[in-house]
Amino acid sequence: MQQLQQIAERRHVSLASKVLQRIKPAKTDALLQKQLTTSIEKQGIRPYSLISGAGHDAMNIAEIAPIGMLFVRSKDGISHNPLEYSSDEDIVVATNIFL
């Protein structure tokens, strides 16, 4: 928060924050993620990991079973929005990764 306040002061804007929700993060299963990584590489794609702050169904599933996640790129990075679009080609690649 201190770093954000410094940025706000430098830009001559005010900053306010309020915690709206705190939820326990769901960790992905190392074995499932390794399997996804291997499958991604077999498609000729360089895999990389990222942290998701999204409240996916996976958070609930993780309470009862191991989870893994594969993100498919969206045009202009738009996600969880009516403007979200993933090409047929990218969807086929993702399907093959799971296959």
PDB file of N, CA and C in Angstrom:
ATOM      1  N   MET A   1       0.829  -1.188   0.000  1.00  0.00           N
ATOM      2  CA  MET A   1       0.000   0.000   0.000  1.00  0.00           C
ATOM      3  C   MET A   1       0.876   1.255   0.000  1.00  0.00           C
ATOM      4  N   GLN A   2       1.999   1.182   0.689  1.00  0.00           N
ATOM      5  CA  GLN A   2       2.888   2.336   0.760  1.00  0.00           C
ATOM      6  C   GLN A   2       3.394   2.702  -0.635  1.00  0.00           C
ATOM      7  N   GLN A   3       3.738   1.703  -1.436  1.00  0.00           N
ATOM      8  CA  GLN A   3       4.228   1.962  -2.788  1.00  0.00           C
ATOM      9  C   GLN A   3       3.124   2.607  -3.642  1.00  0.00           C
ATOM     10  N   LEU A   4       1.905   2.146  -3.503  1.00  0.00           N
ATOM     11  CA  LEU A   4       0.792   2.744  -4.244  1.00  0.00           C
ATOM     12  C   LEU A   4       0.586   4.200  -3.836  1.00  0.00           C
ATOM     13  N   GLN A   5       0.702   4.467  -2.546  1.00  0.00           N
ATOM     14  CA  GLN A   5       0.544   5.837  -2.049  1.00  0.00           C
ATOM     15  C   GLN A   5       1.626   6.752  -2.622  1.00  0.00           C
ATOM     16  N   GLN A   6       2.848   6.251  -2.722  1.00  0.00           N
ATOM     17  CA  GLN A   6       3.937   7.040  -3.299  1.00  0.00           C
ATOM     18  C   GLN A   6       3.667   7.360  -4.767  1.00  0.00           C
ATOM     19  N   ILE A   7       3.155   6.395  -5.495  1.00  0.00           N
ATOM     20  CA  ILE A   7       2.826   6.616  -6.905  1.00  0.00           C
ATOM     21  C   ILE A   7       1.719   7.652  -7.022  1.00  0.00           C
ATOM     22  N   ALA A   8       0.706   7.526  -6.182  1.00  0.00           N
ATOM     23  CA  ALA A   8      -0.405   8.480  -6.207  1.00  0.00           C
ATOM     24  C   ALA A   8       0.083   9.899  -5.919  1.00  0.00           C
ATOM     25  N   GLU A   9       0.962  10.036  -4.947  1.00  0.00           N
ATOM     26  CA  GLU A   9       1.495  11.357  -4.618  1.00  0.00           C
ATOM     27  C   GLU A   9       2.309  11.926  -5.776  1.00  0.00           C
ATOM     28  N   ARG A  10       3.110  11.085  -6.396  1.00  0.00           N
ATOM     29  CA  ARG A  10       3.914  11.528  -7.533  1.00  0.00           C
ATOM     30  C   ARG A  10       3.035  11.994  -8.693  1.00  0.00           C
ATOM     31  N   ARG A  11       1.885  11.383  -8.846  1.00  0.00           N
ATOM     32  CA  ARG A  11       0.984  11.723  -9.955  1.00  0.00           C
ATOM     33  C   ARG A  11      -0.094  12.727  -9.551  1.00  0.00           C
ATOM     34  N   HIS A  12      -0.028  13.176  -8.312  1.00  0.00           N
ATOM     35  CA  HIS A  12      -0.964  14.179  -7.796  1.00  0.00           C
ATOM     36  C   HIS A  12      -2.412  13.708  -7.893  1.00  0.00           C
ATOM     37  N   VAL A  13      -2.622  12.462  -7.472  1.00  0.00           N
ATOM     38  CA  VAL A  13      -3.970  11.912  -7.410  1.00  0.00           C
ATOM     39  C   VAL A  13      -4.191  11.335  -6.015  1.00  0.00           C
ATOM     40  N   SER A  14      -5.449  11.178  -5.639  1.00  0.00           N
ATOM     41  CA  SER A  14      -5.739  10.594  -4.340  1.00  0.00           C
ATOM     42  C   SER A  14      -5.945   9.087  -4.508  1.00  0.00           C
ATOM     43  N   LEU A  15      -5.745   8.376  -3.440  1.00  0.00           N
ATOM     44  CA  LEU A  15      -5.843   6.931  -3.458  1.00  0.00           C
ATOM     45  C   LEU A  15      -6.622   6.481  -2.236  1.00  0.00           C
ATOM     46  N   ALA A  16      -7.579   5.599  -2.463  1.00  0.00           N
ATOM     47  CA  ALA A  16      -8.322   5.000  -1.370  1.00  0.00           C
ATOM     48  C   ALA A  16      -8.486   3.523  -1.690  1.00  0.00           C
ATOM     49  N   SER A  17      -8.460   2.705  -0.665  1.00  0.00           N
ATOM     50  CA  SER A  17      -8.658   1.274  -0.887  1.00  0.00           C
ATOM     51  C   SER A  17      -9.521   0.706   0.225  1.00  0.00           C
ATOM     52  N   LYS A  18     -10.199  -0.375  -0.114  1.00  0.00           N
ATOM     53  CA  LYS A  18     -11.062  -1.050   0.849  1.00  0.00           C
ATOM     54  C   LYS A  18     -11.060  -2.535   0.487  1.00  0.00           C
ATOM     55  N   VAL A  19     -10.790  -3.379   1.446  1.00  0.00           N
ATOM     56  CA  VAL A  19     -10.810  -4.819   1.215  1.00  0.00           C
ATOM     57  C   VAL A  19     -12.272  -5.241   1.091  1.00  0.00           C
ATOM     58  N   LEU A  20     -12.613  -5.805  -0.064  1.00  0.00           N
ATOM     59  CA  LEU A  20     -13.979  -6.243  -0.299  1.00  0.00           C
ATOM     60  C   LEU A  20     -14.167  -7.735  -0.052  1.00  0.00           C
ATOM     61  N   GLN A  21     -13.089  -8.476  -0.208  1.00  0.00           N
ATOM     62  CA  GLN A  21     -13.206  -9.916  -0.063  1.00  0.00           C
ATOM     63  C   GLN A  21     -11.830 -10.515   0.193  1.00  0.00           C
ATOM     64  N   ARG A  22     -11.798 -11.500   1.036  1.00  0.00           N
ATOM     65  CA  ARG A  22     -10.582 -12.281   1.248  1.00  0.00           C
ATOM     66  C   ARG A  22     -10.975 -13.744   1.099  1.00  0.00           C
ATOM     67  N   ILE A  23     -10.322 -14.400   0.155  1.00  0.00           N
ATOM     68  CA  ILE A  23     -10.620 -15.809  -0.065  1.00  0.00           C
ATOM     69  C   ILE A  23      -9.322 -16.608  -0.086  1.00  0.00           C
ATOM     70  N   LYS A  24      -9.431 -17.826   0.364  1.00  0.00           N
ATOM     71  CA  LYS A  24      -8.267 -18.707   0.400  1.00  0.00           C
ATOM     72  C   LYS A  24      -7.895 -19.100  -1.032  1.00  0.00           C
ATOM     73  N   PRO A  25      -6.634 -18.949  -1.415  1.00  0.00           N
ATOM     74  CA  PRO A  25      -6.226 -19.356  -2.762  1.00  0.00           C
ATOM     75  C   PRO A  25      -6.271 -20.875  -2.915  1.00  0.00           C
ATOM     76  N   ALA A  26      -6.540 -21.301  -4.131  1.00  0.00           N
ATOM     77  CA  ALA A  26      -6.536 -22.724  -4.447  1.00  0.00           C
ATOM     78  C   ALA A  26      -5.271 -23.026  -5.234  1.00  0.00           C
ATOM     79  N   LYS A  27      -4.465 -23.913  -4.726  1.00  0.00           N
ATOM     80  CA  LYS A  27      -3.227 -24.275  -5.418  1.00  0.00           C
ATOM     81  C   LYS A  27      -3.494 -25.393  -6.415  1.00  0.00           C
ATOM     82  N   THR A  28      -2.838 -25.291  -7.553  1.00  0.00           N
ATOM     83  CA  THR A  28      -2.967 -26.351  -8.540  1.00  0.00           C
ATOM     84  C   THR A  28      -2.077 -27.528  -8.148  1.00  0.00           C
ATOM     85  N   ASP A  29      -2.470 -28.687  -8.617  1.00  0.00           N
ATOM     86  CA  ASP A  29      -1.740 -29.911  -8.334  1.00  0.00           C
ATOM     87  C   ASP A  29      -0.475 -29.973  -9.188  1.00  0.00           C
ATOM     88  N   ALA A  30       0.651 -30.204  -8.567  1.00  0.00           N
ATOM     89  CA  ALA A  30       1.939 -30.207  -9.275  1.00  0.00           C
ATOM     90  C   ALA A  30       1.971 -31.252 -10.396  1.00  0.00           C
ATOM     91  N   LEU A  31       1.440 -32.439 -10.149  1.00  0.00           N
ATOM     92  CA  LEU A  31       1.440 -33.487 -11.172  1.00  0.00           C
ATOM     93  C   LEU A  31       0.572 -33.088 -12.373  1.00  0.00           C
ATOM     94  N   LEU A  32      -0.614 -32.566 -12.115  1.00  0.00           N
ATOM     95  CA  LEU A  32      -1.481 -32.135 -13.215  1.00  0.00           C
ATOM     96  C   LEU A  32      -0.832 -31.010 -14.019  1.00  0.00           C
ATOM     97  N   GLN A  33      -0.210 -30.076 -13.338  1.00  0.00           N
ATOM     98  CA  GLN A  33       0.443 -28.966 -14.047  1.00  0.00           C
ATOM     99  C   GLN A  33       1.631 -29.472 -14.865  1.00  0.00           C
ATOM    100  N   LYS A  34       2.357 -30.454 -14.335  1.00  0.00           N
ATOM    101  CA  LYS A  34       3.472 -31.044 -15.082  1.00  0.00           C
ATOM    102  C   LYS A  34       2.952 -31.738 -16.334  1.00  0.00           C
ATOM    103  N   GLN A  35       1.847 -32.458 -16.207  1.00  0.00           N
ATOM    104  CA  GLN A  35       1.252 -33.123 -17.366  1.00  0.00           C
ATOM    105  C   GLN A  35       0.810 -32.096 -18.414  1.00  0.00           C
ATOM    106  N   LEU A  36       0.213 -31.001 -17.978  1.00  0.00           N
ATOM    107  CA  LEU A  36      -0.170 -29.941 -18.910  1.00  0.00           C
ATOM    108  C   LEU A  36       1.059 -29.352 -19.597  1.00  0.00           C
ATOM    109  N   THR A  37       2.108 -29.107 -18.822  1.00  0.00           N
ATOM    110  CA  THR A  37       3.341 -28.551 -19.382  1.00  0.00           C
ATOM    111  C   THR A  37       3.908 -29.460 -20.466  1.00  0.00           C
ATOM    112  N   THR A  38       3.951 -30.748 -20.187  1.00  0.00           N
ATOM    113  CA  THR A  38       4.456 -31.711 -21.168  1.00  0.00           C
ATOM    114  C   THR A  38       3.602 -31.703 -22.425  1.00  0.00           C
ATOM    115  N   SER A  39       2.304 -31.674 -22.260  1.00  0.00           N
ATOM    116  CA  SER A  39       1.391 -31.673 -23.402  1.00  0.00           C
ATOM    117  C   SER A  39       1.499 -30.377 -24.209  1.00  0.00           C
ATOM    118  N   ILE A  40       1.674 -29.270 -23.533  1.00  0.00           N
ATOM    119  CA  ILE A  40       1.855 -27.982 -24.215  1.00  0.00           C
ATOM    120  C   ILE A  40       3.120 -28.030 -25.065  1.00  0.00           C
ATOM    121  N   GLU A  41       4.197 -28.530 -24.493  1.00  0.00           N
ATOM    122  CA  GLU A  41       5.467 -28.636 -25.226  1.00  0.00           C
ATOM    123  C   GLU A  41       5.323 -29.537 -26.457  1.00  0.00           C
ATOM    124  N   LYS A  42       4.539 -30.603 -26.351  1.00  0.00           N
ATOM    125  CA  LYS A  42       4.314 -31.495 -27.492  1.00  0.00           C
ATOM    126  C   LYS A  42       3.584 -30.787 -28.632  1.00  0.00           C
ATOM    127  N   GLN A  43       2.886 -29.712 -28.325  1.00  0.00           N
ATOM    128  CA  GLN A  43       2.201 -28.915 -29.349  1.00  0.00           C
ATOM    129  C   GLN A  43       3.138 -27.859 -29.960  1.00  0.00           C
ATOM    130  N   GLY A  44       4.405 -27.867 -29.505  1.00  0.00           N
ATOM    131  CA  GLY A  44       5.380 -26.915 -30.026  1.00  0.00           C
ATOM    132  C   GLY A  44       5.239 -25.527 -29.439  1.00  0.00           C
ATOM    133  N   ILE A  45       4.657 -25.451 -28.255  1.00  0.00           N
ATOM    134  CA  ILE A  45       4.430 -24.163 -27.598  1.00  0.00           C
ATOM    135  C   ILE A  45       5.295 -24.107 -26.342  1.00  0.00           C
ATOM    136  N   ARG A  46       5.876 -22.949 -26.103  1.00  0.00           N
ATOM    137  CA  ARG A  46       6.665 -22.755 -24.870  1.00  0.00           C
ATOM    138  C   ARG A  46       5.695 -22.426 -23.730  1.00  0.00           C
ATOM    139  N   PRO A  47       5.581 -23.314 -22.748  1.00  0.00           N
ATOM    140  CA  PRO A  47       4.652 -23.058 -21.643  1.00  0.00           C
ATOM    141  C   PRO A  47       5.206 -22.030 -20.670  1.00  0.00           C
ATOM    142  N   TYR A  48       4.322 -21.316 -20.022  1.00  0.00           N
ATOM    143  CA  TYR A  48       4.713 -20.470 -18.899  1.00  0.00           C
ATOM    144  C   TYR A  48       3.593 -20.457 -17.885  1.00  0.00           C
ATOM    145  N   SER A  49       3.961 -20.218 -16.653  1.00  0.00           N
ATOM    146  CA  SER A  49       3.006 -20.233 -15.551  1.00  0.00           C
ATOM    147  C   SER A  49       2.627 -18.821 -15.173  1.00  0.00           C
ATOM    148  N   LEU A  50       1.432 -18.687 -14.673  1.00  0.00           N
ATOM    149  CA  LEU A  50       1.000 -17.394 -14.158  1.00  0.00           C
ATOM    150  C   LEU A  50       0.090 -17.617 -12.972  1.00  0.00           C
ATOM    151  N   ILE A  51      -0.044 -16.601 -12.187  1.00  0.00           N
ATOM    152  CA  ILE A  51      -0.921 -16.641 -11.018  1.00  0.00           C
ATOM    153  C   ILE A  51      -2.251 -16.038 -11.436  1.00  0.00           C
ATOM    154  N   SER A  52      -3.322 -16.718 -11.119  1.00  0.00           N
ATOM    155  CA  SER A  52      -4.651 -16.222 -11.452  1.00  0.00           C
ATOM    156  C   SER A  52      -5.353 -15.779 -10.184  1.00  0.00           C
ATOM    157  N   GLY A  53      -5.905 -14.596 -10.225  1.00  0.00           N
ATOM    158  CA  GLY A  53      -6.706 -14.111  -9.099  1.00  0.00           C
ATOM    159  C   GLY A  53      -8.181 -14.305  -9.350  1.00  0.00           C
ATOM    160  N   ALA A  54      -8.503 -14.986 -10.427  1.00  0.00           N
ATOM    161  CA  ALA A  54      -9.907 -15.171 -10.778  1.00  0.00           C
ATOM    162  C   ALA A  54     -10.572 -16.177  -9.846  1.00  0.00           C
ATOM    163  N   GLY A  55     -11.844 -15.995  -9.604  1.00  0.00           N
ATOM    164  CA  GLY A  55     -12.615 -16.907  -8.759  1.00  0.00           C
ATOM    165  C   GLY A  55     -13.230 -18.012  -9.588  1.00  0.00           C
ATOM    166  N   HIS A  56     -12.407 -18.884 -10.105  1.00  0.00           N
ATOM    167  CA  HIS A  56     -12.874 -19.968 -10.964  1.00  0.00           C
ATOM    168  C   HIS A  56     -13.576 -21.052 -10.160  1.00  0.00           C
ATOM    169  N   ASP A  57     -14.343 -21.872 -10.876  1.00  0.00           N
ATOM    170  CA  ASP A  57     -14.944 -23.053 -10.250  1.00  0.00           C
ATOM    171  C   ASP A  57     -13.875 -23.916  -9.607  1.00  0.00           C
ATOM    172  N   ALA A  58     -12.667 -23.831 -10.154  1.00  0.00           N
ATOM    173  CA  ALA A  58     -11.570 -24.638  -9.629  1.00  0.00           C
ATOM    174  C   ALA A  58     -11.357 -24.417  -8.140  1.00  0.00           C
ATOM    175  N   MET A  59     -11.679 -23.238  -7.656  1.00  0.00           N
ATOM    176  CA  MET A  59     -11.505 -22.968  -6.222  1.00  0.00           C
ATOM    177  C   MET A  59     -12.391 -23.897  -5.390  1.00  0.00           C
ATOM    178  N   ASN A  60     -13.572 -24.190  -5.895  1.00  0.00           N
ATOM    179  CA  ASN A  60     -14.475 -25.091  -5.176  1.00  0.00           C
ATOM    180  C   ASN A  60     -14.099 -26.547  -5.405  1.00  0.00           C
ATOM    181  N   ILE A  61     -13.716 -26.878  -6.620  1.00  0.00           N
ATOM    182  CA  ILE A  61     -13.329 -28.248  -6.922  1.00  0.00           C
ATOM    183  C   ILE A  61     -12.098 -28.642  -6.110  1.00  0.00           C
ATOM    184  N   ALA A  62     -11.190 -27.690  -5.900  1.00  0.00           N
ATOM    185  CA  ALA A  62      -9.960 -27.970  -5.158  1.00  0.00           C
ATOM    186  C   ALA A  62     -10.224 -28.439  -3.734  1.00  0.00           C
ATOM    187  N   GLU A  63     -11.418 -28.196  -3.240  1.00  0.00           N
ATOM    188  CA  GLU A  63     -11.772 -28.662  -1.894  1.00  0.00           C
ATOM    189  C   GLU A  63     -11.919 -30.184  -1.855  1.00  0.00           C
ATOM    190  N   ILE A  64     -12.196 -30.793  -3.033  1.00  0.00           N
ATOM    191  CA  ILE A  64     -12.463 -32.233  -3.041  1.00  0.00           C
ATOM    192  C   ILE A  64     -11.573 -33.028  -3.991  1.00  0.00           C
ATOM    193  N   ALA A  65     -10.841 -32.332  -4.891  1.00  0.00           N
ATOM    194  CA  ALA A  65     -10.021 -33.049  -5.874  1.00  0.00           C
ATOM    195  C   ALA A  65      -8.869 -32.166  -6.332  1.00  0.00           C
ATOM    196  N   PRO A  66      -7.813 -32.780  -6.861  1.00  0.00           N
ATOM    197  CA  PRO A  66      -6.701 -31.995  -7.410  1.00  0.00           C
ATOM    198  C   PRO A  66      -7.172 -31.193  -8.628  1.00  0.00           C
ATOM    199  N   ILE A  67      -6.591 -30.012  -8.824  1.00  0.00           N
ATOM    200  CA  ILE A  67      -6.955 -29.176  -9.970  1.00  0.00           C
ATOM    201  C   ILE A  67      -5.716 -28.758 -10.754  1.00  0.00           C
ATOM    202  N   GLY A  68      -5.934 -28.457 -12.009  1.00  0.00           N
ATOM    203  CA  GLY A  68      -4.934 -27.854 -12.874  1.00  0.00           C
ATOM    204  C   GLY A  68      -5.671 -26.872 -13.771  1.00  0.00           C
ATOM    205  N   MET A  69      -4.984 -25.909 -14.322  1.00  0.00           N
ATOM    206  CA  MET A  69      -5.636 -24.926 -15.179  1.00  0.00           C
ATOM    207  C   MET A  69      -4.820 -24.688 -16.434  1.00  0.00           C
ATOM    208  N   LEU A  70      -5.538 -24.516 -17.531  1.00  0.00           N
ATOM    209  CA  LEU A  70      -4.938 -24.156 -18.808  1.00  0.00           C
ATOM    210  C   LEU A  70      -5.667 -22.921 -19.303  1.00  0.00           C
ATOM    211  N   PHE A  71      -4.940 -21.858 -19.550  1.00  0.00           N
ATOM    212  CA  PHE A  71      -5.538 -20.636 -20.064  1.00  0.00           C
ATOM    213  C   PHE A  71      -5.361 -20.580 -21.575  1.00  0.00           C
ATOM    214  N   VAL A  72      -6.424 -20.224 -22.272  1.00  0.00           N
ATOM    215  CA  VAL A  72      -6.402 -20.042 -23.715  1.00  0.00           C
ATOM    216  C   VAL A  72      -6.385 -18.545 -23.967  1.00  0.00           C
ATOM    217  N   ARG A  73      -5.485 -18.096 -24.847  1.00  0.00           N
ATOM    218  CA  ARG A  73      -5.384 -16.652 -25.059  1.00  0.00           C
ATOM    219  C   ARG A  73      -6.674 -16.091 -25.653  1.00  0.00           C
ATOM    220  N   SER A  74      -6.949 -14.864 -25.251  1.00  0.00           N
ATOM    221  CA  SER A  74      -8.126 -14.141 -25.712  1.00  0.00           C
ATOM    222  C   SER A  74      -7.679 -12.898 -26.463  1.00  0.00           C
ATOM    223  N   LYS A  75      -8.431 -12.540 -27.485  1.00  0.00           N
ATOM    224  CA  LYS A  75      -8.114 -11.345 -28.268  1.00  0.00           C
ATOM    225  C   LYS A  75      -8.055 -10.136 -27.336  1.00  0.00           C
ATOM    226  N   ASP A  76      -6.985  -9.375 -27.462  1.00  0.00           N
ATOM    227  CA  ASP A  76      -6.752  -8.166 -26.665  1.00  0.00           C
ATOM    228  C   ASP A  76      -6.722  -8.431 -25.159  1.00  0.00           C
ATOM    229  N   GLY A  77      -6.571  -9.684 -24.772  1.00  0.00           N
ATOM    230  CA  GLY A  77      -6.479 -10.023 -23.349  1.00  0.00           C
ATOM    231  C   GLY A  77      -7.792  -9.891 -22.590  1.00  0.00           C
ATOM    232  N   ILE A  78      -8.894  -9.728 -23.298  1.00  0.00           N
ATOM    233  CA  ILE A  78     -10.195  -9.554 -22.641  1.00  0.00           C
ATOM    234  C   ILE A  78     -10.714 -10.907 -22.189  1.00  0.00           C
ATOM    235  N   SER A  79     -11.098 -10.987 -20.912  1.00  0.00           N
ATOM    236  CA  SER A  79     -11.571 -12.243 -20.345  1.00  0.00           C
ATOM    237  C   SER A  79     -12.763 -11.981 -19.433  1.00  0.00           C
ATOM    238  N   HIS A  80     -13.646 -12.960 -19.339  1.00  0.00           N
ATOM    239  CA  HIS A  80     -14.822 -12.853 -18.470  1.00  0.00           C
ATOM    240  C   HIS A  80     -15.649 -11.622 -18.822  1.00  0.00           C
ATOM    241  N   ASN A  81     -15.892 -11.461 -20.095  1.00  0.00           N
ATOM    242  CA  ASN A  81     -16.568 -10.270 -20.615  1.00  0.00           C
ATOM    243  C   ASN A  81     -17.236 -10.673 -21.928  1.00  0.00           C
ATOM    244  N   PRO A  82     -18.358 -10.076 -22.275  1.00  0.00           N
ATOM    245  CA  PRO A  82     -19.008 -10.421 -23.550  1.00  0.00           C
ATOM    246  C   PRO A  82     -18.107 -10.213 -24.772  1.00  0.00           C
ATOM    247  N   LEU A  83     -17.089  -9.377 -24.651  1.00  0.00           N
ATOM    248  CA  LEU A  83     -16.179  -9.134 -25.768  1.00  0.00           C
ATOM    249  C   LEU A  83     -15.066 -10.172 -25.860  1.00  0.00           C
ATOM    250  N   GLU A  84     -15.040 -11.109 -24.918  1.00  0.00           N
ATOM    251  CA  GLU A  84     -13.999 -12.140 -24.934  1.00  0.00           C
ATOM    252  C   GLU A  84     -14.098 -12.958 -26.219  1.00  0.00           C
ATOM    253  N   TYR A  85     -12.937 -13.201 -26.831  1.00  0.00           N
ATOM    254  CA  TYR A  85     -12.901 -13.989 -28.060  1.00  0.00           C
ATOM    255  C   TYR A  85     -11.610 -14.787 -28.116  1.00  0.00           C
ATOM    256  N   SER A  86     -11.731 -16.080 -28.324  1.00  0.00           N
ATOM    257  CA  SER A  86     -10.584 -16.946 -28.578  1.00  0.00           C
ATOM    258  C   SER A  86     -10.794 -17.558 -29.955  1.00  0.00           C
ATOM    259  N   SER A  87      -9.734 -17.582 -30.746  1.00  0.00           N
ATOM    260  CA  SER A  87      -9.856 -18.098 -32.112  1.00  0.00           C
ATOM    261  C   SER A  87     -10.132 -19.597 -32.109  1.00  0.00           C
ATOM    262  N   ASP A  88     -10.752 -20.058 -33.188  1.00  0.00           N
ATOM    263  CA  ASP A  88     -10.988 -21.498 -33.347  1.00  0.00           C
ATOM    264  C   ASP A  88      -9.669 -22.253 -33.283  1.00  0.00           C
ATOM    265  N   GLU A  89      -8.625 -21.679 -33.885  1.00  0.00           N
ATOM    266  CA  GLU A  89      -7.318 -22.334 -33.899  1.00  0.00           C
ATOM    267  C   GLU A  89      -6.778 -22.523 -32.484  1.00  0.00           C
ATOM    268  N   ASP A  90      -6.898 -21.493 -31.649  1.00  0.00           N
ATOM    269  CA  ASP A  90      -6.406 -21.603 -30.273  1.00  0.00           C
ATOM    270  C   ASP A  90      -7.244 -22.592 -29.470  1.00  0.00           C
ATOM    271  N   ILE A  91      -8.532 -22.647 -29.742  1.00  0.00           N
ATOM    272  CA  ILE A  91      -9.396 -23.597 -29.044  1.00  0.00           C
ATOM    273  C   ILE A  91      -9.039 -25.032 -29.447  1.00  0.00           C
ATOM    274  N   VAL A  92      -8.722 -25.239 -30.728  1.00  0.00           N
ATOM    275  CA  VAL A  92      -8.304 -26.572 -31.176  1.00  0.00           C
ATOM    276  C   VAL A  92      -6.995 -26.967 -30.487  1.00  0.00           C
ATOM    277  N   VAL A  93      -6.049 -26.031 -30.398  1.00  0.00           N
ATOM    278  CA  VAL A  93      -4.775 -26.327 -29.731  1.00  0.00           C
ATOM    279  C   VAL A  93      -5.029 -26.705 -28.271  1.00  0.00           C
ATOM    280  N   ALA A  94      -5.859 -25.945 -27.593  1.00  0.00           N
ATOM    281  CA  ALA A  94      -6.155 -26.246 -26.188  1.00  0.00           C
ATOM    282  C   ALA A  94      -6.809 -27.616 -26.053  1.00  0.00           C
ATOM    283  N   THR A  95      -7.714 -27.935 -26.962  1.00  0.00           N
ATOM    284  CA  THR A  95      -8.378 -29.239 -26.934  1.00  0.00           C
ATOM    285  C   THR A  95      -7.355 -30.354 -27.127  1.00  0.00           C
ATOM    286  N   ASN A  96      -6.422 -30.160 -28.046  1.00  0.00           N
ATOM    287  CA  ASN A  96      -5.374 -31.158 -28.272  1.00  0.00           C
ATOM    288  C   ASN A  96      -4.450 -31.295 -27.071  1.00  0.00           C
ATOM    289  N   ILE A  97      -4.218 -30.217 -26.363  1.00  0.00           N
ATOM    290  CA  ILE A  97      -3.393 -30.273 -25.152  1.00  0.00           C
ATOM    291  C   ILE A  97      -4.069 -31.180 -24.130  1.00  0.00           C
ATOM    292  N   PHE A  98      -5.367 -31.027 -23.957  1.00  0.00           N
ATOM    293  CA  PHE A  98      -6.091 -31.870 -23.013  1.00  0.00           C
ATOM    294  C   PHE A  98      -6.186 -33.312 -23.488  1.00  0.00           C
ATOM    295  N   LEU A  99      -6.333 -33.496 -24.790  1.00  0.00           N
ATOM    296  CA  LEU A  99      -6.424 -34.848 -25.359  1.00  0.00           C
ATOM    297  C   LEU A  99      -5.147 -35.626 -25.069  1.00  0.00           C
TER     298      LEU A  99
END
